[in-house]
PDB file of N, CA and C in Angstrom:
ATOM      1  N   MET A   1      -5.059   4.362 -11.958  1.00  0.00           N
ATOM      2  CA  MET A   1      -5.613   3.385 -11.068  1.00  0.00           C
ATOM      3  C   MET A   1      -4.531   2.929 -10.087  1.00  0.00           C
ATOM      4  N   ASN A   2      -4.877   2.818  -8.844  1.00  0.00           N
ATOM      5  CA  ASN A   2      -3.962   2.347  -7.811  1.00  0.00           C
ATOM      6  C   ASN A   2      -4.352   0.952  -7.361  1.00  0.00           C
ATOM      7  N   ILE A   3      -3.366   0.193  -6.980  1.00  0.00           N
ATOM      8  CA  ILE A   3      -3.582  -1.138  -6.418  1.00  0.00           C
ATOM      9  C   ILE A   3      -3.152  -1.091  -4.963  1.00  0.00           C
ATOM     10  N   SER A   4      -3.989  -1.603  -4.089  1.00  0.00           N
ATOM     11  CA  SER A   4      -3.655  -1.643  -2.664  1.00  0.00           C
ATOM     12  C   SER A   4      -3.067  -2.990  -2.318  1.00  0.00           C
ATOM     13  N   THR A   5      -2.138  -2.950  -1.396  1.00  0.00           N
ATOM     14  CA  THR A   5      -1.536  -4.180  -0.896  1.00  0.00           C
ATOM     15  C   THR A   5      -1.379  -4.055   0.608  1.00  0.00           C
ATOM     16  N   VAL A   6      -1.411  -5.139   1.298  1.00  0.00           N
ATOM     17  CA  VAL A   6      -1.298  -5.119   2.752  1.00  0.00           C
ATOM     18  C   VAL A   6       0.083  -5.627   3.144  1.00  0.00           C
ATOM     19  N   VAL A   7       0.739  -4.891   4.022  1.00  0.00           N
ATOM     20  CA  VAL A   7       2.027  -5.302   4.570  1.00  0.00           C
ATOM     21  C   VAL A   7       1.852  -5.419   6.071  1.00  0.00           C
ATOM     22  N   ASN A   8       2.123  -6.592   6.581  1.00  0.00           N
ATOM     23  CA  ASN A   8       2.014  -6.809   8.022  1.00  0.00           C
ATOM     24  C   ASN A   8       3.362  -6.543   8.675  1.00  0.00           C
ATOM     25  N   LEU A   9       3.362  -5.640   9.636  1.00  0.00           N
ATOM     26  CA  LEU A   9       4.580  -5.312  10.372  1.00  0.00           C
ATOM     27  C   LEU A   9       4.421  -5.755  11.816  1.00  0.00           C
ATOM     28  N   PRO A  10       5.468  -6.303  12.390  1.00  0.00           N
ATOM     29  CA  PRO A  10       5.387  -6.669  13.800  1.00  0.00           C
ATOM     30  C   PRO A  10       5.116  -5.429  14.660  1.00  0.00           C
ATOM     31  N   GLN A  11       4.196  -5.560  15.581  1.00  0.00           N
ATOM     32  CA  GLN A  11       3.816  -4.436  16.437  1.00  0.00           C
ATOM     33  C   GLN A  11       5.025  -3.865  17.172  1.00  0.00           C
ATOM     34  N   GLU A  12       5.921  -4.727  17.612  1.00  0.00           N
ATOM     35  CA  GLU A  12       7.105  -4.275  18.344  1.00  0.00           C
ATOM     36  C   GLU A  12       7.964  -3.341  17.497  1.00  0.00           C
ATOM     37  N   ILE A  13       8.061  -3.641  16.206  1.00  0.00           N
ATOM     38  CA  ILE A  13       8.850  -2.789  15.306  1.00  0.00           C
ATOM     39  C   ILE A  13       8.188  -1.429  15.170  1.00  0.00           C
ATOM     40  N   VAL A  14       6.890  -1.418  14.955  1.00  0.00           N
ATOM     41  CA  VAL A  14       6.161  -0.152  14.812  1.00  0.00           C
ATOM     42  C   VAL A  14       6.296   0.676  16.086  1.00  0.00           C
ATOM     43  N   LEU A  15       6.174   0.042  17.231  1.00  0.00           N
ATOM     44  CA  LEU A  15       6.311   0.760  18.503  1.00  0.00           C
ATOM     45  C   LEU A  15       7.725   1.294  18.687  1.00  0.00           C
ATOM     46  N   THR A  16       8.713   0.514  18.295  1.00  0.00           N
ATOM     47  CA  THR A  16      10.104   0.952  18.410  1.00  0.00           C
ATOM     48  C   THR A  16      10.373   2.156  17.521  1.00  0.00           C
ATOM     49  N   LEU A  17       9.798   2.159  16.325  1.00  0.00           N
ATOM     50  CA  LEU A  17      10.006   3.268  15.389  1.00  0.00           C
ATOM     51  C   LEU A  17       9.333   4.557  15.853  1.00  0.00           C
ATOM     52  N   ARG A  18       8.282   4.419  16.651  1.00  0.00           N
ATOM     53  CA  ARG A  18       7.534   5.582  17.144  1.00  0.00           C
ATOM     54  C   ARG A  18       7.052   6.471  15.992  1.00  0.00           C
ATOM     55  N   GLN A  19       6.538   5.813  14.976  1.00  0.00           N
ATOM     56  CA  GLN A  19       5.981   6.505  13.819  1.00  0.00           C
ATOM     57  C   GLN A  19       4.600   5.933  13.547  1.00  0.00           C
ATOM     58  N   SER A  20       3.795   6.744  12.901  1.00  0.00           N
ATOM     59  CA  SER A  20       2.481   6.244  12.499  1.00  0.00           C
ATOM     60  C   SER A  20       2.665   5.259  11.349  1.00  0.00           C
ATOM     61  N   SER A  21       1.703   4.400  11.170  1.00  0.00           N
ATOM     62  CA  SER A  21       1.782   3.449  10.060  1.00  0.00           C
ATOM     63  C   SER A  21       1.798   4.189   8.723  1.00  0.00           C
ATOM     64  N   GLU A  22       1.135   5.336   8.663  1.00  0.00           N
ATOM     65  CA  GLU A  22       1.132   6.135   7.432  1.00  0.00           C
ATOM     66  C   GLU A  22       2.537   6.636   7.108  1.00  0.00           C
ATOM     67  N   ASP A  23       3.257   7.108   8.133  1.00  0.00           N
ATOM     68  CA  ASP A  23       4.628   7.586   7.914  1.00  0.00           C
ATOM     69  C   ASP A  23       5.554   6.447   7.500  1.00  0.00           C
ATOM     70  N   ILE A  24       5.339   5.280   8.066  1.00  0.00           N
ATOM     71  CA  ILE A  24       6.146   4.117   7.695  1.00  0.00           C
ATOM     72  C   ILE A  24       5.892   3.752   6.237  1.00  0.00           C
ATOM     73  N   VAL A  25       4.644   3.807   5.807  1.00  0.00           N
ATOM     74  CA  VAL A  25       4.306   3.503   4.412  1.00  0.00           C
ATOM     75  C   VAL A  25       4.986   4.498   3.475  1.00  0.00           C
ATOM     76  N   VAL A  26       4.980   5.777   3.831  1.00  0.00           N
ATOM     77  CA  VAL A  26       5.644   6.796   3.010  1.00  0.00           C
ATOM     78  C   VAL A  26       7.128   6.470   2.882  1.00  0.00           C
ATOM     79  N   GLU A  27       7.774   6.145   3.992  1.00  0.00           N
ATOM     80  CA  GLU A  27       9.200   5.802   3.960  1.00  0.00           C
ATOM     81  C   GLU A  27       9.456   4.559   3.118  1.00  0.00           C
ATOM     82  N   MET A  28       8.582   3.582   3.228  1.00  0.00           N
ATOM     83  CA  MET A  28       8.740   2.355   2.447  1.00  0.00           C
ATOM     84  C   MET A  28       8.624   2.645   0.952  1.00  0.00           C
ATOM     85  N   LYS A  29       7.661   3.470   0.572  1.00  0.00           N
ATOM     86  CA  LYS A  29       7.484   3.824  -0.840  1.00  0.00           C
ATOM     87  C   LYS A  29       8.708   4.558  -1.366  1.00  0.00           C
ATOM     88  N   ARG A  30       9.234   5.478  -0.564  1.00  0.00           N
ATOM     89  CA  ARG A  30      10.415   6.230  -0.996  1.00  0.00           C
ATOM     90  C   ARG A  30      11.629   5.321  -1.116  1.00  0.00           C
ATOM     91  N   ALA A  31      11.811   4.424  -0.157  1.00  0.00           N
ATOM     92  CA  ALA A  31      12.940   3.492  -0.212  1.00  0.00           C
ATOM     93  C   ALA A  31      12.835   2.589  -1.438  1.00  0.00           C
ATOM     94  N   LEU A  32      11.635   2.134  -1.737  1.00  0.00           N
ATOM     95  CA  LEU A  32      11.420   1.288  -2.904  1.00  0.00           C
ATOM     96  C   LEU A  32      11.665   2.070  -4.197  1.00  0.00           C
ATOM     97  N   ALA A  33      11.226   3.315  -4.226  1.00  0.00           N
ATOM     98  CA  ALA A  33      11.448   4.154  -5.404  1.00  0.00           C
ATOM     99  C   ALA A  33      12.940   4.356  -5.648  1.00  0.00           C
ATOM    100  N   VAL A  34      13.703   4.605  -4.592  1.00  0.00           N
ATOM    101  CA  VAL A  34      15.155   4.777  -4.723  1.00  0.00           C
ATOM    102  C   VAL A  34      15.784   3.485  -5.241  1.00  0.00           C
ATOM    103  N   LYS A  35      15.393   2.367  -4.674  1.00  0.00           N
ATOM    104  CA  LYS A  35      15.931   1.064  -5.095  1.00  0.00           C
ATOM    105  C   LYS A  35      15.648   0.816  -6.571  1.00  0.00           C
ATOM    106  N   TYR A  36      14.406   1.024  -6.983  1.00  0.00           N
ATOM    107  CA  TYR A  36      14.051   0.784  -8.379  1.00  0.00           C
ATOM    108  C   TYR A  36      14.748   1.774  -9.310  1.00  0.00           C
ATOM    109  N   TYR A  37      14.981   2.997  -8.840  1.00  0.00           N
ATOM    110  CA  TYR A  37      15.707   3.968  -9.659  1.00  0.00           C
ATOM    111  C   TYR A  37      17.156   3.512  -9.843  1.00  0.00           C
ATOM    112  N   GLN A  38      17.786   3.105  -8.755  1.00  0.00           N
ATOM    113  CA  GLN A  38      19.179   2.661  -8.832  1.00  0.00           C
ATOM    114  C   GLN A  38      19.329   1.428  -9.714  1.00  0.00           C
ATOM    115  N   GLU A  39      18.359   0.554  -9.681  1.00  0.00           N
ATOM    116  CA  GLU A  39      18.398  -0.666 -10.497  1.00  0.00           C
ATOM    117  C   GLU A  39      17.918  -0.424 -11.923  1.00  0.00           C
ATOM    118  N   GLN A  40      17.492   0.800 -12.216  1.00  0.00           N
ATOM    119  CA  GLN A  40      16.975   1.204 -13.526  1.00  0.00           C
ATOM    120  C   GLN A  40      15.771   0.358 -13.938  1.00  0.00           C
ATOM    121  N   ARG A  41      14.978  -0.022 -12.957  1.00  0.00           N
ATOM    122  CA  ARG A  41      13.762  -0.797 -13.230  1.00  0.00           C
ATOM    123  C   ARG A  41      12.599   0.118 -13.573  1.00  0.00           C
ATOM    124  N   LEU A  42      12.644   1.351 -13.057  1.00  0.00           N
ATOM    125  CA  LEU A  42      11.628   2.358 -13.359  1.00  0.00           C
ATOM    126  C   LEU A  42      12.327   3.655 -13.734  1.00  0.00           C
ATOM    127  N   SER A  43      11.632   4.480 -14.497  1.00  0.00           N
ATOM    128  CA  SER A  43      12.174   5.784 -14.878  1.00  0.00           C
ATOM    129  C   SER A  43      12.146   6.736 -13.685  1.00  0.00           C
ATOM    130  N   LEU A  44      12.819   7.847 -13.840  1.00  0.00           N
ATOM    131  CA  LEU A  44      12.823   8.875 -12.799  1.00  0.00           C
ATOM    132  C   LEU A  44      11.395   9.319 -12.491  1.00  0.00           C
ATOM    133  N   GLY A  45      10.601   9.546 -13.525  1.00  0.00           N
ATOM    134  CA  GLY A  45       9.216   9.973 -13.331  1.00  0.00           C
ATOM    135  C   GLY A  45       8.372   8.930 -12.622  1.00  0.00           C
ATOM    136  N   GLN A  46       8.557   7.673 -12.985  1.00  0.00           N
ATOM    137  CA  GLN A  46       7.810   6.600 -12.328  1.00  0.00           C
ATOM    138  C   GLN A  46       8.208   6.468 -10.860  1.00  0.00           C
ATOM    139  N   CYS A  47       9.494   6.603 -10.591  1.00  0.00           N
ATOM    140  CA  CYS A  47       9.965   6.526  -9.205  1.00  0.00           C
ATOM    141  C   CYS A  47       9.444   7.702  -8.391  1.00  0.00           C
ATOM    142  N   ALA A  48       9.411   8.878  -8.997  1.00  0.00           N
ATOM    143  CA  ALA A  48       8.853  10.045  -8.305  1.00  0.00           C
ATOM    144  C   ALA A  48       7.386   9.799  -7.972  1.00  0.00           C
ATOM    145  N   GLU A  49       6.662   9.230  -8.917  1.00  0.00           N
ATOM    146  CA  GLU A  49       5.248   8.920  -8.681  1.00  0.00           C
ATOM    147  C   GLU A  49       5.091   7.900  -7.554  1.00  0.00           C
ATOM    148  N   LEU A  50       5.921   6.861  -7.571  1.00  0.00           N
ATOM    149  CA  LEU A  50       5.877   5.851  -6.514  1.00  0.00           C
ATOM    150  C   LEU A  50       6.166   6.473  -5.150  1.00  0.00           C
ATOM    151  N   ALA A  51       7.105   7.413  -5.125  1.00  0.00           N
ATOM    152  CA  ALA A  51       7.473   8.089  -3.878  1.00  0.00           C
ATOM    153  C   ALA A  51       6.475   9.182  -3.495  1.00  0.00           C
ATOM    154  N   GLU A  52       5.470   9.379  -4.346  1.00  0.00           N
ATOM    155  CA  GLU A  52       4.456  10.419  -4.148  1.00  0.00           C
ATOM    156  C   GLU A  52       5.084  11.809  -4.054  1.00  0.00           C
ATOM    157  N   MET A  53       5.988  12.073  -5.002  1.00  0.00           N
ATOM    158  CA  MET A  53       6.669  13.363  -5.090  1.00  0.00           C
ATOM    159  C   MET A  53       6.629  13.819  -6.546  1.00  0.00           C
ATOM    160  N   ASN A  54       6.828  15.121  -6.748  1.00  0.00           N
ATOM    161  CA  ASN A  54       7.033  15.560  -8.121  1.00  0.00           C
ATOM    162  C   ASN A  54       8.495  15.273  -8.480  1.00  0.00           C
ATOM    163  N   LYS A  55       8.832  15.372  -9.761  1.00  0.00           N
ATOM    164  CA  LYS A  55      10.180  15.011 -10.208  1.00  0.00           C
ATOM    165  C   LYS A  55      11.258  15.839  -9.513  1.00  0.00           C
ATOM    166  N   GLU A  56      11.021  17.137  -9.389  1.00  0.00           N
ATOM    167  CA  GLU A  56      12.021  18.005  -8.778  1.00  0.00           C
ATOM    168  C   GLU A  56      12.295  17.605  -7.333  1.00  0.00           C
ATOM    169  N   ASP A  57      11.241  17.328  -6.584  1.00  0.00           N
ATOM    170  CA  ASP A  57      11.414  16.919  -5.185  1.00  0.00           C
ATOM    171  C   ASP A  57      12.099  15.561  -5.088  1.00  0.00           C
ATOM    172  N   PHE A  58      11.792  14.660  -6.025  1.00  0.00           N
ATOM    173  CA  PHE A  58      12.434  13.345  -5.994  1.00  0.00           C
ATOM    174  C   PHE A  58      13.914  13.463  -6.330  1.00  0.00           C
ATOM    175  N   ILE A  59      14.261  14.323  -7.275  1.00  0.00           N
ATOM    176  CA  ILE A  59      15.673  14.560  -7.602  1.00  0.00           C
ATOM    177  C   ILE A  59      16.401  15.098  -6.376  1.00  0.00           C
ATOM    178  N   GLU A  60      15.774  16.034  -5.675  1.00  0.00           N
ATOM    179  CA  GLU A  60      16.375  16.578  -4.450  1.00  0.00           C
ATOM    180  C   GLU A  60      16.510  15.481  -3.390  1.00  0.00           C
ATOM    181  N   TYR A  61      15.502  14.629  -3.275  1.00  0.00           N
ATOM    182  CA  TYR A  61      15.541  13.513  -2.325  1.00  0.00           C
ATOM    183  C   TYR A  61      16.694  12.569  -2.667  1.00  0.00           C
ATOM    184  N   LEU A  62      16.867  12.259  -3.954  1.00  0.00           N
ATOM    185  CA  LEU A  62      17.987  11.415  -4.379  1.00  0.00           C
ATOM    186  C   LEU A  62      19.314  12.064  -4.015  1.00  0.00           C
ATOM    187  N   SER A  63      19.411  13.354  -4.247  1.00  0.00           N
ATOM    188  CA  SER A  63      20.637  14.084  -3.928  1.00  0.00           C
ATOM    189  C   SER A  63      20.974  13.972  -2.444  1.00  0.00           C
ATOM    190  N   LYS A  64      19.968  14.098  -1.598  1.00  0.00           N
ATOM    191  CA  LYS A  64      20.192  13.980  -0.151  1.00  0.00           C
ATOM    192  C   LYS A  64      20.629  12.571   0.239  1.00  0.00           C
ATOM    193  N   GLN A  65      20.291  11.591  -0.612  1.00  0.00           N
ATOM    194  CA  GLN A  65      20.709  10.204  -0.383  1.00  0.00           C
ATOM    195  C   GLN A  65      22.052   9.918  -1.072  1.00  0.00           C
ATOM    196  N   HIS A  66      22.662  10.976  -1.636  1.00  0.00           N
ATOM    197  CA  HIS A  66      23.944  10.880  -2.355  1.00  0.00           C
ATOM    198  C   HIS A  66      23.834   9.983  -3.586  1.00  0.00           C
ATOM    199  N   ILE A  67      22.717  10.128  -4.290  1.00  0.00           N
ATOM    200  CA  ILE A  67      22.478   9.369  -5.516  1.00  0.00           C
ATOM    201  C   ILE A  67      22.352  10.361  -6.665  1.00  0.00           C
ATOM    202  N   SER A  68      23.222  10.216  -7.647  1.00  0.00           N
ATOM    203  CA  SER A  68      23.233  11.116  -8.792  1.00  0.00           C
ATOM    204  C   SER A  68      22.184  10.693  -9.818  1.00  0.00           C
ATOM    205  N   ILE A  69      21.607  11.674 -10.480  1.00  0.00           N
ATOM    206  CA  ILE A  69      20.677  11.363 -11.567  1.00  0.00           C
ATOM    207  C   ILE A  69      21.425  11.189 -12.887  1.00  0.00           C
ATOM    208  N   PHE A  70      22.711  11.512 -12.876  1.00  0.00           N
ATOM    209  CA  PHE A  70      23.526  11.375 -14.079  1.00  0.00           C
ATOM    210  C   PHE A  70      24.137   9.984 -14.095  1.00  0.00           C
ATOM    211  N   ARG A  71      23.952   9.296 -15.204  1.00  0.00           N
ATOM    212  CA  ARG A  71      24.417   7.903 -15.295  1.00  0.00           C
ATOM    213  C   ARG A  71      25.521   7.798 -16.340  1.00  0.00           C
ATOM    214  N   PHE A  72      26.733   7.733 -15.858  1.00  0.00           N
ATOM    215  CA  PHE A  72      27.881   7.569 -16.738  1.00  0.00           C
ATOM    216  C   PHE A  72      28.581   6.270 -16.371  1.00  0.00           C
ATOM    217  N   GLU A  73      28.978   5.528 -17.384  1.00  0.00           N
ATOM    218  CA  GLU A  73      29.640   4.243 -17.157  1.00  0.00           C
ATOM    219  C   GLU A  73      31.136   4.409 -16.914  1.00  0.00           C
ATOM    220  N   SER A  74      31.712   5.499 -17.437  1.00  0.00           N
ATOM    221  CA  SER A  74      33.160   5.655 -17.304  1.00  0.00           C
ATOM    222  C   SER A  74      33.531   7.132 -17.298  1.00  0.00           C
ATOM    223  N   GLU A  75      34.792   7.395 -16.949  1.00  0.00           N
ATOM    224  CA  GLU A  75      35.322   8.761 -16.983  1.00  0.00           C
ATOM    225  C   GLU A  75      35.285   9.304 -18.410  1.00  0.00           C
ATOM    226  N   ASP A  76      35.514   8.430 -19.393  1.00  0.00           N
ATOM    227  CA  ASP A  76      35.504   8.854 -20.796  1.00  0.00           C
ATOM    228  C   ASP A  76      34.135   9.390 -21.201  1.00  0.00           C
ATOM    229  N   GLU A  77      33.078   8.751 -20.725  1.00  0.00           N
ATOM    230  CA  GLU A  77      31.726   9.224 -21.029  1.00  0.00           C
ATOM    231  C   GLU A  77      31.492  10.610 -20.452  1.00  0.00           C
ATOM    232  N   ILE A  78      31.980  10.834 -19.253  1.00  0.00           N
ATOM    233  CA  ILE A  78      31.829  12.149 -18.615  1.00  0.00           C
ATOM    234  C   ILE A  78      32.588  13.192 -19.423  1.00  0.00           C
ATOM    235  N   SER A  79      33.834  12.881 -19.797  1.00  0.00           N
ATOM    236  CA  SER A  79      34.646  13.817 -20.580  1.00  0.00           C
ATOM    237  C   SER A  79      33.991  14.129 -21.914  1.00  0.00           C
ATOM    238  N   GLU A  80      33.484  13.097 -22.567  1.00  0.00           N
ATOM    239  CA  GLU A  80      32.821  13.280 -23.862  1.00  0.00           C
ATOM    240  C   GLU A  80      31.584  14.150 -23.713  1.00  0.00           C
ATOM    241  N   ASP A  81      30.820  13.915 -22.680  1.00  0.00           N
ATOM    242  CA  ASP A  81      29.620  14.706 -22.436  1.00  0.00           C
ATOM    243  C   ASP A  81      29.978  16.164 -22.160  1.00  0.00           C
ATOM    244  N   MET A  82      31.047  16.383 -21.411  1.00  0.00           N
ATOM    245  CA  MET A  82      31.476  17.752 -21.100  1.00  0.00           C
ATOM    246  C   MET A  82      31.923  18.482 -22.366  1.00  0.00           C
ATOM    247  N   LYS A  83      32.583  17.776 -23.279  1.00  0.00           N
ATOM    248  CA  LYS A  83      33.017  18.378 -24.539  1.00  0.00           C
ATOM    249  C   LYS A  83      31.818  18.830 -25.365  1.00  0.00           C
ATOM    250  N   ASN A  84      30.741  18.072 -25.300  1.00  0.00           N
ATOM    251  CA  ASN A  84      29.552  18.367 -26.095  1.00  0.00           C
ATOM    252  C   ASN A  84      28.613  19.361 -25.430  1.00  0.00           C
ATOM    253  N   ALA A  85      28.919  19.746 -24.212  1.00  0.00           N
ATOM    254  CA  ALA A  85      28.030  20.657 -23.473  1.00  0.00           C
ATOM    255  C   ALA A  85      28.132  22.065 -23.994  1.00  0.00           C
TER     256      ALA A  85
END
C-alpha cells in the first residue's frame, strides 16, 4: 500500500530547475532514500524501494554518490573482516 503526500514547490524553483514535477519527485525520493540509508533509519532494501529502484541499481546509485554499503566503525573492524574473508 502506498501513501500519497502533497509537496508544494514554489513555481519559480520548478521553472529554474527546468524539470518536470515528476522528475523532481523522483530526485526527492532518491535523496531521501540516501539520507535515510546514511542515518541507518531504513535498510538497504527499504531505501531501494523508496528510491523506486532494485537493490543492485540502488547500490550503484550509492556508489556514484561516493557512499559505501560497507559499514565499518574502525580500521580494526576492516582488518578483522579481511582476515575472515
